Amino acid sequence: MIFENLNVNAVIFDLDGTIIDSVPFYYRVMASTLEIVGLPPAPKSLVAEFMTEGLIALEKMIPEEMKDFKESLIEKCITVGREISRDVFRHEVRLIHGVRPLFLLLANNKIRIGIVTSTEKRNIGKKLGPLARNDLMNYLGAVIAIEDSPRRKPAPDPLIECARRLSVEPETCIYVGDSHVDMQAGKAAGMMTVGVLTGLDDYEKLKAEHPTMILNSVDELKRSFI
């Protein structure tokens, strides 16, 4: 057991691309949104930036000649995107393979479970749908949305708030995520960090942040607690 000599009291997870297989759907939703609003297609790298940075990246998708209409275009993108994604998360997004047995294993080992996501509170319900459909909601000790801390990832604030709500010290937590932003936030919070290759960033981008370990998916994390 990799963590047997360490005091691990909680495992905190990012949501998109870490425990729900939503990243491919985000690319699809963004492509449809931009087309409906009348904006040109965005490169995949910019869509990935939107998933970690939010509206700042969305502004970059607006051509210079349309900047005078920036506010209304962003508002339209948000409205259209929410409408499209509502059905996607309800019917199409699934758990990453291995999440359920991992949660059960952690619970059996008396290790608390939390989620830190940059999702707005109004959208948390639909984003947690895959966990609810698999009867996993009762295993969550805390869910931190973007409004729950003064700063968003890569600042440590939301992770520290999650640890507080779980009644554990940050240094006894593992933070699991799929992006360099997750690794930066976890390290800034003083947590052990685990990168997974089921979401936004590839091995080299995660490795550049020097996480505790990099795994193909959360399914492999079970071996660390057996």
Protein backbone atom coordinates (compact mmCIF):
# COMPACT_ATOMS: atom_id res chain seq x y z
CA MET A 1 0.00 0.00 0.00
CA ILE A 2 1.71 3.17 -1.26
CA PHE A 3 0.19 5.46 1.37
CA GLU A 4 0.49 3.03 4.29
CA ASN A 5 3.24 5.05 5.98
CA LEU A 6 1.44 8.34 5.48
CA ASN A 7 -1.40 9.79 7.50
CA VAL A 8 -4.17 10.00 4.88
CA ASN A 9 -7.50 11.13 6.30
CA ALA A 10 -9.24 12.28 3.12
CA VAL A 11 -9.15 12.03 -0.65
CA ILE A 12 -10.50 15.08 -2.46
CA PHE A 13 -11.38 14.86 -6.13
CA ASP A 14 -11.78 17.27 -8.99
CA LEU A 15 -15.01 16.50 -10.85
CA ASP A 16 -14.84 16.92 -14.65
CA GLY A 17 -12.40 14.53 -16.29
CA THR A 18 -11.48 13.01 -12.94
CA ILE A 19 -14.54 11.15 -11.67
CA ILE A 20 -17.05 11.96 -14.43
CA ASP A 21 -16.22 11.44 -18.11
CA SER A 22 -17.42 14.89 -19.19
CA VAL A 23 -14.48 16.45 -21.03
CA PRO A 24 -15.41 15.11 -24.51
CA PHE A 25 -18.92 16.46 -24.03
CA TYR A 26 -17.58 19.90 -23.11
CA TYR A 27 -15.79 20.07 -26.44
CA ARG A 28 -18.99 19.11 -28.21
CA VAL A 29 -21.16 21.52 -26.22
CA MET A 30 -18.76 24.39 -26.88
CA ALA A 31 -18.66 23.66 -30.61
CA SER A 32 -22.47 23.67 -30.79
CA THR A 33 -22.71 26.79 -28.63
CA LEU A 34 -20.31 28.82 -30.75
CA GLU A 35 -22.08 27.76 -33.94
CA ILE A 36 -25.52 28.74 -32.60
CA VAL A 37 -24.27 32.11 -31.29
CA GLY A 38 -22.53 32.84 -34.59
CA LEU A 39 -18.92 32.69 -33.43
CA PRO A 40 -16.11 30.85 -35.25
CA PRO A 41 -14.93 27.43 -34.00
CA ALA A 42 -12.41 27.59 -31.16
CA PRO A 43 -9.20 25.53 -31.00
CA LYS A 44 -9.28 22.63 -28.57
CA SER A 45 -6.59 24.26 -26.45
CA LEU A 46 -8.78 27.33 -25.91
CA VAL A 47 -11.79 25.20 -24.96
CA ALA A 48 -9.56 23.39 -22.44
CA GLU A 49 -8.49 26.77 -21.09
CA PHE A 50 -12.17 27.72 -20.72
CA MET A 51 -12.73 24.62 -18.58
CA THR A 52 -10.03 25.71 -16.14
CA GLU A 53 -10.08 29.51 -16.41
CA GLY A 54 -13.74 30.30 -17.18
CA LEU A 55 -14.99 33.48 -18.85
CA ILE A 56 -11.52 34.91 -19.46
CA ALA A 57 -10.97 32.17 -22.03
CA LEU A 58 -14.45 32.66 -23.48
CA GLU A 59 -13.57 36.27 -24.26
CA LYS A 60 -10.62 35.05 -26.32
CA MET A 61 -13.02 33.16 -28.59
CA ILE A 62 -14.59 36.42 -29.78
CA PRO A 63 -12.93 37.82 -32.97
CA GLU A 64 -11.57 41.36 -32.78
CA GLU A 65 -14.20 42.67 -35.19
CA MET A 66 -16.95 41.47 -32.79
CA LYS A 67 -15.46 42.83 -29.56
CA ASP A 68 -18.01 45.68 -29.43
CA PHE A 69 -20.67 43.03 -28.76
CA LYS A 70 -18.55 41.10 -26.24
CA GLU A 71 -20.92 41.29 -23.27
CA SER A 72 -24.01 40.21 -25.20
CA LEU A 73 -22.12 37.41 -26.98
CA ILE A 74 -20.78 36.04 -23.71
CA GLU A 75 -24.27 36.16 -22.20
CA LYS A 76 -25.67 34.29 -25.20
CA CYS A 77 -22.92 31.68 -24.99
CA ILE A 78 -23.65 31.08 -21.32
CA THR A 79 -27.41 30.77 -21.92
CA VAL A 80 -27.07 28.47 -24.93
CA GLY A 81 -24.35 26.37 -23.30
CA ARG A 82 -26.43 25.78 -20.20
CA GLU A 83 -29.40 24.70 -22.27
CA ILE A 84 -27.38 22.26 -24.36
CA SER A 85 -25.44 20.82 -21.43
CA ARG A 86 -28.55 20.19 -19.34
CA ASP A 87 -29.55 17.12 -21.35
CA VAL A 88 -25.96 16.02 -21.93
CA PHE A 89 -25.25 15.67 -18.21
CA ARG A 90 -28.65 14.15 -17.54
CA HIS A 91 -28.42 11.40 -20.14
CA GLU A 92 -24.90 10.98 -21.53
CA VAL A 93 -22.13 11.71 -19.01
CA ARG A 94 -21.01 8.66 -17.04
CA LEU A 95 -18.69 7.95 -14.13
CA ILE A 96 -15.06 7.23 -14.91
CA HIS A 97 -14.51 3.48 -14.64
CA GLY A 98 -13.60 2.43 -11.12
CA VAL A 99 -15.09 5.35 -9.19
CA ARG A 100 -17.71 3.30 -7.34
CA PRO A 101 -15.36 0.58 -6.01
CA LEU A 102 -12.81 3.27 -5.10
CA PHE A 103 -15.38 5.19 -3.05
CA LEU A 104 -16.43 1.99 -1.29
CA LEU A 105 -12.80 1.13 -0.53
CA LEU A 106 -12.08 4.59 0.87
CA ALA A 107 -15.19 4.47 3.03
CA ASN A 108 -14.23 1.05 4.35
CA ASN A 109 -10.84 2.47 5.31
CA LYS A 110 -12.51 5.39 7.13
CA ILE A 111 -11.03 7.85 4.63
CA ARG A 112 -13.26 10.86 3.99
CA ILE A 113 -14.23 11.90 0.45
CA GLY A 114 -14.66 15.41 -0.92
CA ILE A 115 -15.06 17.16 -4.27
CA VAL A 116 -13.61 20.50 -5.32
CA THR A 117 -14.86 21.80 -8.65
CA SER A 118 -14.94 25.12 -10.51
CA THR A 119 -18.61 24.45 -11.29
CA GLU A 120 -21.19 27.03 -10.20
CA LYS A 121 -23.62 25.96 -7.47
CA ARG A 122 -26.56 26.25 -9.83
CA ASN A 123 -25.04 23.51 -12.00
CA ILE A 124 -23.77 21.20 -9.26
CA GLY A 125 -26.92 19.10 -9.19
CA LYS A 126 -26.73 18.03 -12.82
CA LYS A 127 -22.96 17.56 -12.68
CA LEU A 128 -23.33 15.19 -9.73
CA GLY A 129 -26.01 13.23 -11.58
CA PRO A 130 -23.69 10.31 -12.47
CA LEU A 131 -22.80 9.89 -8.78
CA ALA A 132 -26.44 10.08 -7.74
CA ARG A 133 -27.40 7.44 -10.31
CA ASN A 134 -24.77 5.15 -8.79
CA ASP A 135 -25.87 5.75 -5.19
CA LEU A 136 -22.62 7.50 -4.23
CA MET A 137 -23.88 10.81 -2.88
CA ASN A 138 -23.94 9.60 0.73
CA TYR A 139 -20.18 8.98 0.52
CA LEU A 140 -19.43 12.67 -0.06
CA GLY A 141 -18.43 14.57 3.05
CA ALA A 142 -18.11 17.92 1.27
CA VAL A 143 -18.66 19.41 -2.20
CA ILE A 144 -17.00 22.75 -2.91
CA ALA A 145 -18.33 24.85 -5.78
CA ILE A 146 -16.70 27.93 -7.27
CA GLU A 147 -18.64 30.31 -4.98
CA ASP A 148 -17.50 28.56 -1.80
CA SER A 149 -14.09 30.20 -1.56
CA PRO A 150 -12.70 33.68 -2.31
CA ARG A 151 -10.32 32.41 -5.00
CA ARG A 152 -10.62 29.58 -7.50
CA LYS A 153 -8.02 26.97 -8.43
CA PRO A 154 -5.01 27.13 -8.86
CA ALA A 155 -5.24 29.06 -5.56
CA PRO A 156 -5.43 26.66 -2.59
CA ASP A 157 -8.54 28.28 -1.08
CA PRO A 158 -11.22 25.82 -2.29
CA LEU A 159 -9.13 22.79 -1.30
CA ILE A 160 -8.43 24.20 2.14
CA GLU A 161 -12.13 24.93 2.56
CA CYS A 162 -12.95 21.34 1.60
CA ALA A 163 -10.48 20.02 4.17
CA ARG A 164 -12.05 22.27 6.79
CA ARG A 165 -15.53 20.94 6.05
CA LEU A 166 -14.20 17.39 6.19
CA SER A 167 -12.62 18.18 9.58
CA VAL A 168 -9.15 17.10 8.44
CA GLU A 169 -5.81 18.87 8.06
CA PRO A 170 -4.78 19.69 4.45
CA GLU A 171 -1.48 17.84 4.81
CA THR A 172 -3.43 14.61 5.47
CA CYS A 173 -5.34 14.95 2.18
CA ILE A 174 -4.74 13.67 -1.33
CA TYR A 175 -6.05 15.84 -4.15
CA VAL A 176 -6.83 14.02 -7.40
CA GLY A 177 -7.28 15.93 -10.66
CA ASP A 178 -6.81 15.83 -14.41
CA SER A 179 -5.13 19.19 -15.06
CA HIS A 180 -2.02 21.17 -14.22
CA VAL A 181 -4.29 23.65 -12.44
CA ASP A 182 -5.42 20.87 -10.09
CA MET A 183 -1.83 19.90 -9.35
CA GLN A 184 -0.88 23.52 -8.65
CA ALA A 185 -3.84 23.96 -6.30
CA GLY A 186 -3.12 20.73 -4.46
CA LYS A 187 0.53 21.57 -3.90
CA ALA A 188 -0.32 25.13 -2.83
CA ALA A 189 -2.70 23.64 -0.24
CA GLY A 190 0.06 21.38 1.10
CA MET A 191 -1.68 18.21 -0.08
CA MET A 192 -0.36 15.12 -1.80
CA THR A 193 -1.32 15.29 -5.48
CA VAL A 194 -2.38 12.62 -7.96
CA GLY A 195 -2.77 13.42 -11.64
CA VAL A 196 -5.04 11.29 -13.84
CA LEU A 197 -4.96 11.01 -17.63
CA THR A 198 -8.73 10.87 -18.21
CA GLY A 199 -9.30 14.57 -18.75
CA LEU A 200 -7.65 17.74 -19.96
CA ASP A 201 -3.88 17.34 -19.67
CA ASP A 202 -1.44 14.75 -20.96
CA TYR A 203 1.35 13.05 -19.02
CA GLU A 204 4.02 15.65 -19.78
CA LYS A 205 1.86 18.59 -18.72
CA LEU A 206 0.98 16.89 -15.44
CA LYS A 207 4.56 15.75 -14.86
CA ALA A 208 5.78 19.35 -15.16
CA GLU A 209 3.92 20.10 -11.89
CA HIS A 210 5.74 17.28 -10.04
CA PRO A 211 2.70 15.54 -8.52
CA THR A 212 3.05 12.72 -6.02
CA MET A 213 2.04 10.31 -8.77
CA ILE A 214 0.38 10.15 -12.19
CA LEU A 215 -2.14 7.42 -12.98
CA ASN A 216 -4.09 6.44 -16.07
CA SER A 217 -7.33 6.91 -14.11
CA VAL A 218 -8.78 6.91 -10.61
CA ASP A 219 -9.37 3.18 -11.08
CA GLU A 220 -5.64 2.65 -10.47
CA LEU A 221 -5.78 4.58 -7.19
CA LYS A 222 -7.38 1.57 -5.49
CA ARG A 223 -4.01 -0.20 -5.49
CA SER A 224 -2.63 2.53 -3.22
CA PHE A 225 -5.08 1.59 -0.46
CA ILE A 226 -4.99 -2.20 -0.68
